[in-house]
Every structure is written in C-alpha cells, then in structure tokens.
PDB file of N, CA and C in Angstrom:
ATOM      1  N   MET A   1      -9.480  64.415  54.277  1.00  0.00           N
ATOM      2  CA  MET A   1      -9.190  65.540  53.250  1.00  0.00           C
ATOM      3  C   MET A   1      -8.580  64.644  52.160  1.00  0.00           C
ATOM      4  N   GLN A   2      -8.852  65.401  51.210  1.00  0.00           N
ATOM      5  CA  GLN A   2      -7.744  64.904  49.757  1.00  0.00           C
ATOM      6  C   GLN A   2      -7.421  66.026  49.184  1.00  0.00           C
ATOM      7  N   ASP A   3      -6.585  66.001  48.929  1.00  0.00           N
ATOM      8  CA  ASP A   3      -5.994  67.249  47.843  1.00  0.00           C
ATOM      9  C   ASP A   3      -6.232  66.455  46.299  1.00  0.00           C
ATOM     10  N   VAL A   4      -7.129  67.174  45.658  1.00  0.00           N
ATOM     11  CA  VAL A   4      -7.306  66.765  44.335  1.00  0.00           C
ATOM     12  C   VAL A   4      -6.180  67.444  43.522  1.00  0.00           C
ATOM     13  N   LYS A   5      -5.443  68.755  43.507  1.00  0.00           N
ATOM     14  CA  LYS A   5      -4.523  69.445  42.853  1.00  0.00           C
ATOM     15  C   LYS A   5      -3.548  69.998  43.820  1.00  0.00           C
ATOM     16  N   VAL A   6      -2.829  70.195  43.629  1.00  0.00           N
ATOM     17  CA  VAL A   6      -1.373  71.027  44.387  1.00  0.00           C
ATOM     18  C   VAL A   6      -0.796  71.879  43.568  1.00  0.00           C
ATOM     19  N   CYS A   7      -0.983  73.409  43.961  1.00  0.00           N
ATOM     20  CA  CYS A   7      -0.045  74.081  43.198  1.00  0.00           C
ATOM     21  C   CYS A   7       0.966  74.549  43.904  1.00  0.00           C
ATOM     22  N   GLY A   8       1.829  75.608  43.562  1.00  0.00           N
ATOM     23  CA  GLY A   8       3.019  75.869  44.324  1.00  0.00           C
ATOM     24  C   GLY A   8       3.121  77.172  44.921  1.00  0.00           C
ATOM     25  N   GLY A   9       1.793  78.291  44.935  1.00  0.00           N
ATOM     26  CA  GLY A   9       1.578  79.640  45.648  1.00  0.00           C
ATOM     27  C   GLY A   9       1.746  79.733  46.469  1.00  0.00           C
ATOM     28  N   PRO A  10       1.498  80.733  47.249  1.00  0.00           N
ATOM     29  CA  PRO A  10       1.830  81.117  48.952  1.00  0.00           C
ATOM     30  C   PRO A  10       0.577  79.937  49.405  1.00  0.00           C
ATOM     31  N   GLU A  11       1.390  79.829  50.801  1.00  0.00           N
ATOM     32  CA  GLU A  11       0.705  79.076  51.464  1.00  0.00           C
ATOM     33  C   GLU A  11      -1.075  79.634  52.601  1.00  0.00           C
ATOM     34  N   VAL A  12      -2.077  78.625  52.663  1.00  0.00           N
ATOM     35  CA  VAL A  12      -2.899  79.167  53.134  1.00  0.00           C
ATOM     36  C   VAL A  12      -2.296  78.953  54.796  1.00  0.00           C
ATOM     37  N   LYS A  13      -2.336  80.047  55.817  1.00  0.00           N
ATOM     38  CA  LYS A  13      -2.112  80.117  57.025  1.00  0.00           C
ATOM     39  C   LYS A  13      -3.261  80.924  57.808  1.00  0.00           C
ATOM     40  N   ASP A  14      -3.259  80.667  59.273  1.00  0.00           N
ATOM     41  CA  ASP A  14      -4.084  81.479  60.095  1.00  0.00           C
ATOM     42  C   ASP A  14      -3.850  83.035  60.131  1.00  0.00           C
ATOM     43  N   GLY A  15      -4.806  83.648  59.633  1.00  0.00           N
ATOM     44  CA  GLY A  15      -5.263  84.931  59.227  1.00  0.00           C
ATOM     45  C   GLY A  15      -4.761  85.879  57.766  1.00  0.00           C
ATOM     46  N   SER A  16      -4.401  84.567  56.696  1.00  0.00           N
ATOM     47  CA  SER A  16      -4.516  84.461  55.654  1.00  0.00           C
ATOM     48  C   SER A  16      -5.744  85.318  55.166  1.00  0.00           C
ATOM     49  N   VAL A  17      -5.409  85.855  53.874  1.00  0.00           N
ATOM     50  CA  VAL A  17      -6.730  86.775  53.212  1.00  0.00           C
ATOM     51  C   VAL A  17      -6.858  85.344  51.733  1.00  0.00           C
ATOM     52  N   VAL A  18      -7.911  84.594  51.429  1.00  0.00           N
ATOM     53  CA  VAL A  18      -7.828  83.581  50.159  1.00  0.00           C
ATOM     54  C   VAL A  18      -8.978  84.307  49.433  1.00  0.00           C
ATOM     55  N   SER A  19      -8.987  84.156  48.350  1.00  0.00           N
ATOM     56  CA  SER A  19     -10.032  84.041  47.033  1.00  0.00           C
ATOM     57  C   SER A  19      -9.969  82.825  46.840  1.00  0.00           C
ATOM     58  N   LEU A  20     -11.563  82.458  47.210  1.00  0.00           N
ATOM     59  CA  LEU A  20     -11.883  81.031  46.528  1.00  0.00           C
ATOM     60  C   LEU A  20     -13.244  80.679  46.189  1.00  0.00           C
ATOM     61  N   LEU A  21     -13.460  79.744  45.495  1.00  0.00           N
ATOM     62  CA  LEU A  21     -14.796  78.997  44.777  1.00  0.00           C
ATOM     63  C   LEU A  21     -14.605  77.410  45.727  1.00  0.00           C
ATOM     64  N   TYR A  22     -15.698  77.318  46.231  1.00  0.00           N
ATOM     65  CA  TYR A  22     -16.532  76.454  46.941  1.00  0.00           C
ATOM     66  C   TYR A  22     -17.717  75.685  46.345  1.00  0.00           C
ATOM     67  N   ARG A  23     -17.744  74.426  46.968  1.00  0.00           N
ATOM     68  CA  ARG A  23     -18.719  73.833  46.752  1.00  0.00           C
ATOM     69  C   ARG A  23     -19.151  72.862  48.154  1.00  0.00           C
ATOM     70  N   VAL A  24     -20.548  72.599  48.530  1.00  0.00           N
ATOM     71  CA  VAL A  24     -20.717  72.348  49.628  1.00  0.00           C
ATOM     72  C   VAL A  24     -22.128  71.494  49.229  1.00  0.00           C
ATOM     73  N   ALA A  25     -22.110  69.822  49.998  1.00  0.00           N
ATOM     74  CA  ALA A  25     -23.114  69.071  50.084  1.00  0.00           C
ATOM     75  C   ALA A  25     -22.979  68.013  51.355  1.00  0.00           C
ATOM     76  N   THR A  26     -24.160  67.323  50.917  1.00  0.00           N
ATOM     77  CA  THR A  26     -24.503  66.385  52.152  1.00  0.00           C
ATOM     78  C   THR A  26     -24.223  65.139  52.180  1.00  0.00           C
ATOM     79  N   SER A  27     -23.439  64.752  50.976  1.00  0.00           N
ATOM     80  CA  SER A  27     -22.746  63.451  50.676  1.00  0.00           C
ATOM     81  C   SER A  27     -21.522  63.821  50.069  1.00  0.00           C
ATOM     82  N   GLU A  28     -20.321  62.578  49.843  1.00  0.00           N
ATOM     83  CA  GLU A  28     -19.649  63.019  49.038  1.00  0.00           C
ATOM     84  C   GLU A  28     -20.043  62.658  47.380  1.00  0.00           C
ATOM     85  N   GLN A  29     -21.019  61.952  47.230  1.00  0.00           N
ATOM     86  CA  GLN A  29     -21.497  61.251  45.762  1.00  0.00           C
ATOM     87  C   GLN A  29     -22.529  62.623  45.443  1.00  0.00           C
ATOM     88  N   ASP A  30     -23.387  63.417  45.909  1.00  0.00           N
ATOM     89  CA  ASP A  30     -23.550  64.600  45.835  1.00  0.00           C
ATOM     90  C   ASP A  30     -22.860  65.417  45.283  1.00  0.00           C
ATOM     91  N   LEU A  31     -21.761  65.674  46.240  1.00  0.00           N
ATOM     92  CA  LEU A  31     -20.721  66.999  45.647  1.00  0.00           C
ATOM     93  C   LEU A  31     -20.135  66.228  44.234  1.00  0.00           C
ATOM     94  N   LEU A  32     -19.777  64.692  44.043  1.00  0.00           N
ATOM     95  CA  LEU A  32     -19.244  64.593  42.985  1.00  0.00           C
ATOM     96  C   LEU A  32     -20.118  64.600  41.715  1.00  0.00           C
ATOM     97  N   GLU A  33     -21.278  64.043  41.780  1.00  0.00           N
ATOM     98  CA  GLU A  33     -22.237  64.725  41.061  1.00  0.00           C
ATOM     99  C   GLU A  33     -22.581  66.025  40.421  1.00  0.00           C
ATOM    100  N   GLY A  34     -22.378  66.895  41.479  1.00  0.00           N
ATOM    101  CA  GLY A  34     -22.520  68.181  41.473  1.00  0.00           C
ATOM    102  C   GLY A  34     -24.320  68.662  42.110  1.00  0.00           C
ATOM    103  N   ARG A  35     -24.579  68.186  42.443  1.00  0.00           N
ATOM    104  CA  ARG A  35     -25.769  68.158  43.514  1.00  0.00           C
ATOM    105  C   ARG A  35     -25.389  68.865  45.043  1.00  0.00           C
ATOM    106  N   CYS A  36     -25.064  70.419  44.606  1.00  0.00           N
ATOM    107  CA  CYS A  36     -24.694  70.649  45.874  1.00  0.00           C
ATOM    108  C   CYS A  36     -25.962  71.504  46.294  1.00  0.00           C
ATOM    109  N   LEU A  37     -25.754  71.785  47.819  1.00  0.00           N
ATOM    110  CA  LEU A  37     -26.454  72.783  48.735  1.00  0.00           C
ATOM    111  C   LEU A  37     -26.023  74.323  48.333  1.00  0.00           C
ATOM    112  N   GLU A  38     -24.662  74.582  48.142  1.00  0.00           N
ATOM    113  CA  GLU A  38     -24.157  75.908  47.312  1.00  0.00           C
ATOM    114  C   GLU A  38     -23.155  75.696  46.886  1.00  0.00           C
ATOM    115  N   THR A  39     -22.726  76.685  46.151  1.00  0.00           N
ATOM    116  CA  THR A  39     -21.649  76.949  45.321  1.00  0.00           C
ATOM    117  C   THR A  39     -21.464  77.916  44.797  1.00  0.00           C
ATOM    118  N   ASN A  40     -20.099  78.106  44.031  1.00  0.00           N
ATOM    119  CA  ASN A  40     -20.114  79.492  43.776  1.00  0.00           C
ATOM    120  C   ASN A  40     -18.858  79.226  42.760  1.00  0.00           C
ATOM    121  N   TYR A  41     -18.994  77.929  42.231  1.00  0.00           N
ATOM    122  CA  TYR A  41     -17.944  77.229  41.275  1.00  0.00           C
ATOM    123  C   TYR A  41     -17.939  78.316  39.846  1.00  0.00           C
ATOM    124  N   SER A  42     -17.610  79.528  39.657  1.00  0.00           N
ATOM    125  CA  SER A  42     -17.264  79.905  38.232  1.00  0.00           C
ATOM    126  C   SER A  42     -16.296  80.790  38.331  1.00  0.00           C
ATOM    127  N   PRO A  43     -16.065  81.135  37.338  1.00  0.00           N
ATOM    128  CA  PRO A  43     -14.620  82.102  37.593  1.00  0.00           C
ATOM    129  C   PRO A  43     -14.427  83.477  37.700  1.00  0.00           C
ATOM    130  N   ASP A  44     -16.098  83.703  37.571  1.00  0.00           N
ATOM    131  CA  ASP A  44     -16.696  85.196  37.551  1.00  0.00           C
ATOM    132  C   ASP A  44     -16.862  85.413  39.089  1.00  0.00           C
ATOM    133  N   VAL A  45     -17.432  84.278  39.965  1.00  0.00           N
ATOM    134  CA  VAL A  45     -17.242  84.575  41.244  1.00  0.00           C
ATOM    135  C   VAL A  45     -16.717  84.101  42.770  1.00  0.00           C
ATOM    136  N   PRO A  46     -15.650  84.349  42.810  1.00  0.00           N
ATOM    137  CA  PRO A  46     -14.728  83.794  43.940  1.00  0.00           C
ATOM    138  C   PRO A  46     -15.230  84.865  44.851  1.00  0.00           C
ATOM    139  N   ILE A  47     -15.044  84.297  46.271  1.00  0.00           N
ATOM    140  CA  ILE A  47     -15.399  84.991  47.644  1.00  0.00           C
ATOM    141  C   ILE A  47     -13.692  85.057  48.271  1.00  0.00           C
ATOM    142  N   THR A  48     -13.726  86.425  49.085  1.00  0.00           N
ATOM    143  CA  THR A  48     -12.686  86.622  49.834  1.00  0.00           C
ATOM    144  C   THR A  48     -12.916  86.343  51.257  1.00  0.00           C
ATOM    145  N   VAL A  49     -12.251  85.576  51.537  1.00  0.00           N
ATOM    146  CA  VAL A  49     -12.550  85.355  53.472  1.00  0.00           C
ATOM    147  C   VAL A  49     -10.813  85.050  54.324  1.00  0.00           C
ATOM    148  N   VAL A  50     -11.475  85.643  55.542  1.00  0.00           N
ATOM    149  CA  VAL A  50     -10.256  85.700  56.371  1.00  0.00           C
ATOM    150  C   VAL A  50     -10.126  84.575  56.718  1.00  0.00           C
ATOM    151  N   VAL A  51      -8.576  83.898  56.749  1.00  0.00           N
ATOM    152  CA  VAL A  51      -8.761  82.403  57.167  1.00  0.00           C
ATOM    153  C   VAL A  51      -8.529  82.588  58.648  1.00  0.00           C
ATOM    154  N   ALA A  52      -9.586  82.630  60.123  1.00  0.00           N
ATOM    155  CA  ALA A  52      -9.564  82.656  61.145  1.00  0.00           C
ATOM    156  C   ALA A  52     -10.477  81.929  61.739  1.00  0.00           C
ATOM    157  N   ASP A  53      -9.881  81.126  62.839  1.00  0.00           N
ATOM    158  CA  ASP A  53     -11.316  80.231  63.444  1.00  0.00           C
ATOM    159  C   ASP A  53     -12.202  81.088  63.854  1.00  0.00           C
ATOM    160  N   ASP A  54     -12.413  81.916  64.526  1.00  0.00           N
ATOM    161  CA  ASP A  54     -13.367  82.547  65.253  1.00  0.00           C
ATOM    162  C   ASP A  54     -14.550  83.457  64.033  1.00  0.00           C
ATOM    163  N   GLN A  55     -14.222  83.301  62.771  1.00  0.00           N
ATOM    164  CA  GLN A  55     -14.622  84.072  61.307  1.00  0.00           C
ATOM    165  C   GLN A  55     -15.339  82.873  60.159  1.00  0.00           C
ATOM    166  N   LEU A  56     -14.703  81.421  60.432  1.00  0.00           N
ATOM    167  CA  LEU A  56     -15.472  80.260  59.308  1.00  0.00           C
ATOM    168  C   LEU A  56     -15.558  79.067  60.435  1.00  0.00           C
ATOM    169  N   LEU A  57     -16.236  78.460  59.748  1.00  0.00           N
ATOM    170  CA  LEU A  57     -17.063  77.235  60.217  1.00  0.00           C
ATOM    171  C   LEU A  57     -15.353  76.258  60.965  1.00  0.00           C
ATOM    172  N   ARG A  58     -15.367  75.518  61.735  1.00  0.00           N
ATOM    173  CA  ARG A  58     -14.010  75.042  61.730  1.00  0.00           C
ATOM    174  C   ARG A  58     -13.633  74.192  61.070  1.00  0.00           C
ATOM    175  N   GLY A  59     -14.610  73.369  60.244  1.00  0.00           N
ATOM    176  CA  GLY A  59     -14.575  72.392  59.477  1.00  0.00           C
ATOM    177  C   GLY A  59     -13.702  72.899  58.109  1.00  0.00           C
ATOM    178  N   VAL A  60     -13.856  74.199  57.750  1.00  0.00           N
ATOM    179  CA  VAL A  60     -13.866  74.988  56.603  1.00  0.00           C
ATOM    180  C   VAL A  60     -12.411  75.876  57.084  1.00  0.00           C
ATOM    181  N   TYR A  61     -12.306  75.751  58.203  1.00  0.00           N
ATOM    182  CA  TYR A  61     -10.701  76.922  58.354  1.00  0.00           C
ATOM    183  C   TYR A  61     -10.234  75.557  58.430  1.00  0.00           C
ATOM    184  N   GLU A  62     -10.091  74.810  58.922  1.00  0.00           N
ATOM    185  CA  GLU A  62      -9.406  73.348  58.843  1.00  0.00           C
ATOM    186  C   GLU A  62      -9.011  72.824  57.524  1.00  0.00           C
ATOM    187  N   THR A  63      -9.755  72.722  56.596  1.00  0.00           N
ATOM    188  CA  THR A  63      -9.371  72.437  55.206  1.00  0.00           C
ATOM    189  C   THR A  63      -9.108  73.238  54.693  1.00  0.00           C
ATOM    190  N   LEU A  64      -8.721  74.599  54.734  1.00  0.00           N
ATOM    191  CA  LEU A  64      -8.252  75.485  53.952  1.00  0.00           C
ATOM    192  C   LEU A  64      -6.347  75.379  54.420  1.00  0.00           C
ATOM    193  N   LEU A  65      -6.261  75.672  55.874  1.00  0.00           N
ATOM    194  CA  LEU A  65      -4.891  75.113  55.953  1.00  0.00           C
ATOM    195  C   LEU A  65      -4.336  74.726  55.818  1.00  0.00           C
ATOM    196  N   GLY A  66      -3.107  75.162  54.941  1.00  0.00           N
ATOM    197  CA  GLY A  66      -1.771  74.585  54.515  1.00  0.00           C
ATOM    198  C   GLY A  66      -2.411  74.527  52.716  1.00  0.00           C
ATOM    199  N   MET A  67      -3.671  74.692  52.315  1.00  0.00           N
ATOM    200  CA  MET A  67      -3.482  75.196  50.589  1.00  0.00           C
ATOM    201  C   MET A  67      -2.590  75.941  50.102  1.00  0.00           C
ATOM    202  N   ARG A  68      -2.723  75.967  48.454  1.00  0.00           N
ATOM    203  CA  ARG A  68      -2.086  76.651  47.998  1.00  0.00           C
ATOM    204  C   ARG A  68      -2.466  77.680  47.272  1.00  0.00           C
ATOM    205  N   ALA A  69      -1.850  78.718  46.792  1.00  0.00           N
ATOM    206  CA  ALA A  69      -2.951  79.809  46.170  1.00  0.00           C
ATOM    207  C   ALA A  69      -2.520  78.815  44.335  1.00  0.00           C
ATOM    208  N   GLY A  70      -3.017  79.533  43.470  1.00  0.00           N
ATOM    209  CA  GLY A  70      -2.485  79.163  42.120  1.00  0.00           C
ATOM    210  C   GLY A  70      -3.890  78.273  41.681  1.00  0.00           C
ATOM    211  N   GLY A  71      -4.702  77.916  42.490  1.00  0.00           N
ATOM    212  CA  GLY A  71      -5.614  76.771  41.801  1.00  0.00           C
ATOM    213  C   GLY A  71      -5.794  75.649  42.752  1.00  0.00           C
ATOM    214  N   SER A  72      -5.374  75.696  43.716  1.00  0.00           N
ATOM    215  CA  SER A  72      -5.015  73.999  44.612  1.00  0.00           C
ATOM    216  C   SER A  72      -6.896  73.898  44.854  1.00  0.00           C
ATOM    217  N   VAL A  73      -7.016  72.556  44.912  1.00  0.00           N
ATOM    218  CA  VAL A  73      -8.281  71.964  45.067  1.00  0.00           C
ATOM    219  C   VAL A  73      -8.058  70.525  46.194  1.00  0.00           C
ATOM    220  N   ARG A  74      -8.996  71.279  47.280  1.00  0.00           N
ATOM    221  CA  ARG A  74      -9.139  69.845  48.536  1.00  0.00           C
ATOM    222  C   ARG A  74     -10.399  69.641  48.537  1.00  0.00           C
ATOM    223  N   ARG A  75     -10.943  68.339  48.721  1.00  0.00           N
ATOM    224  CA  ARG A  75     -12.115  67.848  48.962  1.00  0.00           C
ATOM    225  C   ARG A  75     -12.149  67.420  50.791  1.00  0.00           C
ATOM    226  N   ALA A  76     -12.896  67.508  51.372  1.00  0.00           N
ATOM    227  CA  ALA A  76     -12.848  67.195  52.882  1.00  0.00           C
ATOM    228  C   ALA A  76     -14.498  66.975  53.140  1.00  0.00           C
ATOM    229  N   TYR A  77     -14.342  66.022  54.170  1.00  0.00           N
ATOM    230  CA  TYR A  77     -15.518  65.454  55.006  1.00  0.00           C
ATOM    231  C   TYR A  77     -15.588  66.282  56.224  1.00  0.00           C
ATOM    232  N   VAL A  78     -16.861  67.221  56.463  1.00  0.00           N
ATOM    233  CA  VAL A  78     -16.825  67.882  57.622  1.00  0.00           C
ATOM    234  C   VAL A  78     -18.056  67.306  58.698  1.00  0.00           C
ATOM    235  N   PRO A  79     -17.362  66.394  59.688  1.00  0.00           N
ATOM    236  CA  PRO A  79     -18.641  66.087  60.655  1.00  0.00           C
ATOM    237  C   PRO A  79     -19.218  67.340  61.245  1.00  0.00           C
ATOM    238  N   SER A  80     -20.940  67.007  61.944  1.00  0.00           N
ATOM    239  CA  SER A  80     -21.452  68.105  61.872  1.00  0.00           C
ATOM    240  C   SER A  80     -20.675  68.855  62.881  1.00  0.00           C
ATOM    241  N   LYS A  81     -19.900  68.318  64.112  1.00  0.00           N
ATOM    242  CA  LYS A  81     -19.436  69.023  65.256  1.00  0.00           C
ATOM    243  C   LYS A  81     -18.469  69.852  64.787  1.00  0.00           C
ATOM    244  N   LEU A  82     -17.706  69.679  63.318  1.00  0.00           N
ATOM    245  CA  LEU A  82     -16.856  71.074  62.942  1.00  0.00           C
ATOM    246  C   LEU A  82     -17.655  71.841  62.355  1.00  0.00           C
ATOM    247  N   ALA A  83     -18.759  71.602  61.699  1.00  0.00           N
ATOM    248  CA  ALA A  83     -19.791  72.539  61.016  1.00  0.00           C
ATOM    249  C   ALA A  83     -20.701  73.171  61.540  1.00  0.00           C
ATOM    250  N   PHE A  84     -22.329  72.933  61.449  1.00  0.00           N
ATOM    251  CA  PHE A  84     -22.927  73.969  62.138  1.00  0.00           C
ATOM    252  C   PHE A  84     -23.509  73.100  63.877  1.00  0.00           C
ATOM    253  N   GLY A  85     -23.134  71.895  63.840  1.00  0.00           N
ATOM    254  CA  GLY A  85     -23.486  71.311  65.267  1.00  0.00           C
ATOM    255  C   GLY A  85     -24.924  70.837  65.504  1.00  0.00           C
ATOM    256  N   ASP A  86     -25.511  71.316  66.314  1.00  0.00           N
ATOM    257  CA  ASP A  86     -26.850  70.719  67.036  1.00  0.00           C
ATOM    258  C   ASP A  86     -27.763  72.143  66.630  1.00  0.00           C
ATOM    259  N   ARG A  87     -27.179  72.888  65.573  1.00  0.00           N
ATOM    260  CA  ARG A  87     -27.934  73.910  64.945  1.00  0.00           C
ATOM    261  C   ARG A  87     -28.421  74.066  63.776  1.00  0.00           C
ATOM    262  N   SER A  88     -29.740  74.526  63.435  1.00  0.00           N
ATOM    263  CA  SER A  88     -29.819  74.069  61.828  1.00  0.00           C
ATOM    264  C   SER A  88     -29.314  75.426  61.535  1.00  0.00           C
ATOM    265  N   ALA A  89     -29.382  75.425  59.989  1.00  0.00           N
ATOM    266  CA  ALA A  89     -28.671  76.615  58.918  1.00  0.00           C
ATOM    267  C   ALA A  89     -29.769  76.723  57.654  1.00  0.00           C
ATOM    268  N   GLY A  90     -30.947  77.334  57.576  1.00  0.00           N
ATOM    269  CA  GLY A  90     -31.705  77.571  56.564  1.00  0.00           C
ATOM    270  C   GLY A  90     -32.564  75.875  56.570  1.00  0.00           C
ATOM    271  N   ASP A  91     -32.170  75.724  55.807  1.00  0.00           N
ATOM    272  CA  ASP A  91     -32.565  74.560  55.012  1.00  0.00           C
ATOM    273  C   ASP A  91     -32.199  73.379  55.581  1.00  0.00           C
ATOM    274  N   LEU A  92     -31.182  73.193  56.468  1.00  0.00           N
ATOM    275  CA  LEU A  92     -30.276  72.372  56.749  1.00  0.00           C
ATOM    276  C   LEU A  92     -30.487  72.017  58.129  1.00  0.00           C
ATOM    277  N   PRO A  93     -30.900  70.695  58.235  1.00  0.00           N
ATOM    278  CA  PRO A  93     -30.996  70.412  59.548  1.00  0.00           C
ATOM    279  C   PRO A  93     -30.236  70.458  60.850  1.00  0.00           C
ATOM    280  N   ALA A  94     -30.230  70.314  61.904  1.00  0.00           N
ATOM    281  CA  ALA A  94     -29.282  70.128  62.404  1.00  0.00           C
ATOM    282  C   ALA A  94     -28.353  68.664  62.708  1.00  0.00           C
ATOM    283  N   SER A  95     -27.234  68.819  63.229  1.00  0.00           N
ATOM    284  CA  SER A  95     -26.129  67.581  63.244  1.00  0.00           C
ATOM    285  C   SER A  95     -26.343  66.763  61.639  1.00  0.00           C
ATOM    286  N   THR A  96     -25.898  67.807  60.562  1.00  0.00           N
ATOM    287  CA  THR A  96     -25.808  67.645  59.386  1.00  0.00           C
ATOM    288  C   THR A  96     -23.994  67.057  58.945  1.00  0.00           C
ATOM    289  N   ASP A  97     -23.761  66.507  58.464  1.00  0.00           N
ATOM    290  CA  ASP A  97     -22.316  66.211  57.928  1.00  0.00           C
ATOM    291  C   ASP A  97     -22.533  67.041  56.822  1.00  0.00           C
ATOM    292  N   LEU A  98     -20.921  67.588  56.580  1.00  0.00           N
ATOM    293  CA  LEU A  98     -21.004  68.066  55.100  1.00  0.00           C
ATOM    294  C   LEU A  98     -20.028  67.747  54.236  1.00  0.00           C
ATOM    295  N   TRP A  99     -19.569  67.655  52.663  1.00  0.00           N
ATOM    296  CA  TRP A  99     -18.401  67.232  51.950  1.00  0.00           C
ATOM    297  C   TRP A  99     -18.800  68.524  51.433  1.00  0.00           C
ATOM    298  N   LEU A 100     -17.219  69.543  51.320  1.00  0.00           N
ATOM    299  CA  LEU A 100     -16.650  70.340  50.979  1.00  0.00           C
ATOM    300  C   LEU A 100     -15.865  70.062  49.518  1.00  0.00           C
ATOM    301  N   GLU A 101     -15.283  70.616  48.827  1.00  0.00           N
ATOM    302  CA  GLU A 101     -14.622  70.902  47.882  1.00  0.00           C
ATOM    303  C   GLU A 101     -14.225  72.710  47.672  1.00  0.00           C
ATOM    304  N   LEU A 102     -13.032  73.281  48.003  1.00  0.00           N
ATOM    305  CA  LEU A 102     -12.598  74.069  47.937  1.00  0.00           C
ATOM    306  C   LEU A 102     -11.072  74.266  47.039  1.00  0.00           C
ATOM    307  N   CYS A 103     -11.264  75.528  46.443  1.00  0.00           N
ATOM    308  CA  CYS A 103     -10.294  75.777  45.456  1.00  0.00           C
ATOM    309  C   CYS A 103      -9.989  77.301  45.373  1.00  0.00           C
ATOM    310  N   VAL A 104      -8.307  77.141  46.011  1.00  0.00           N
ATOM    311  CA  VAL A 104      -7.711  78.461  46.361  1.00  0.00           C
ATOM    312  C   VAL A 104      -7.009  79.224  45.169  1.00  0.00           C
ATOM    313  N   SER A 105      -7.436  80.322  44.810  1.00  0.00           N
ATOM    314  CA  SER A 105      -7.211  81.117  43.611  1.00  0.00           C
ATOM    315  C   SER A 105      -5.718  81.370  44.558  1.00  0.00           C
ATOM    316  N   ARG A 106      -6.190  82.661  45.263  1.00  0.00           N
ATOM    317  CA  ARG A 106      -5.448  83.659  45.397  1.00  0.00           C
ATOM    318  C   ARG A 106      -5.012  83.515  47.477  1.00  0.00           C
ATOM    319  N   VAL A 107      -3.829  84.059  47.483  1.00  0.00           N
ATOM    320  CA  VAL A 107      -3.644  83.751  49.128  1.00  0.00           C
ATOM    321  C   VAL A 107      -3.186  84.919  49.418  1.00  0.00           C
ATOM    322  N   SER A 108      -3.012  85.682  50.774  1.00  0.00           N
ATOM    323  CA  SER A 108      -2.502  87.520  50.991  1.00  0.00           C
ATOM    324  C   SER A 108      -2.173  87.084  52.529  1.00  0.00           C
ATOM    325  N   ASP A 109      -1.315  87.814  52.857  1.00  0.00           N
ATOM    326  CA  ASP A 109      -0.915  88.008  53.916  1.00  0.00           C
ATOM    327  C   ASP A 109      -1.595  89.542  54.283  1.00  0.00           C
ATOM    328  N   PRO A 110      -2.433  89.519  55.598  1.00  0.00           N
ATOM    329  CA  PRO A 110      -2.702  91.176  55.561  1.00  0.00           C
ATOM    330  C   PRO A 110      -2.040  91.778  56.364  1.00  0.00           C
ATOM    331  N   GLU A 111      -1.111  91.241  56.427  1.00  0.00           N
ATOM    332  CA  GLU A 111       0.449  91.788  57.153  1.00  0.00           C
ATOM    333  C   GLU A 111       1.154  92.237  56.719  1.00  0.00           C
ATOM    334  N   LEU A 112       1.462  92.232  55.369  1.00  0.00           N
ATOM    335  CA  LEU A 112       2.566  92.517  54.523  1.00  0.00           C
ATOM    336  C   LEU A 112       1.939  93.683  53.670  1.00  0.00           C
ATOM    337  N   PRO A 113       2.452  94.849  53.251  1.00  0.00           N
ATOM    338  CA  PRO A 113       2.083  95.514  52.485  1.00  0.00           C
ATOM    339  C   PRO A 113       1.261  95.535  51.101  1.00  0.00           C
TER     340      PRO A 113
END
C-alpha cells in the first residue's frame, strides 16, 4: 500500500460508513495511465459502503482501514487471494491480481447519532 495523500479527518475503522471514489485495474501501469476495469473517479458519483470484512473484498477492506476522510488517497496491490480468488467476476478471469486507488471523502460511525 502507498498513501498518496493523507488528510486529517475521521479515521476509517471496521464498521465505518465511507463515501469514496475508486479505480480498479489489473496492473500498476494501467492504474497510473487510467486504463481501469472500473472507476467512479468523478466528484459527482462517490459510492457509500460499510467497511466490514463480510461486505467487501478482503483486499478492499484492508486498504480502507486507517484511511482518513477529507480526500485521502491510497493505492494498493491486491493479490487474487484477497480479491476474487479462484472465481471469475464478469470479464475478469479467476486468479487475477488487482490494483486499487481509493479516495475517501467522508467517514461516519453508524453508532453515533
């Protein structure tokens, strides 16, 4: 993992509700050059997820933990065993390693009022 930008907002923990932008590619070079399998990198389309091991791919879960709100950006290599493993996913063949870039804009604790 590599922190590209670190902000000072609330920290992502297990159970946090997070708004984020993401990019996914099959190589670091593709990620850096914008050749992504999937992306929502636009200020208009963040997704909101619950950071829970049983809700996300293990590699995404581990990448999010410790990030901070406010626009923090982290890149990570995710080996296939922490992604889809020996399963295929859409056009993605089984045993494919992934490269992620995640940008966290908001973090909230669902247990707080």
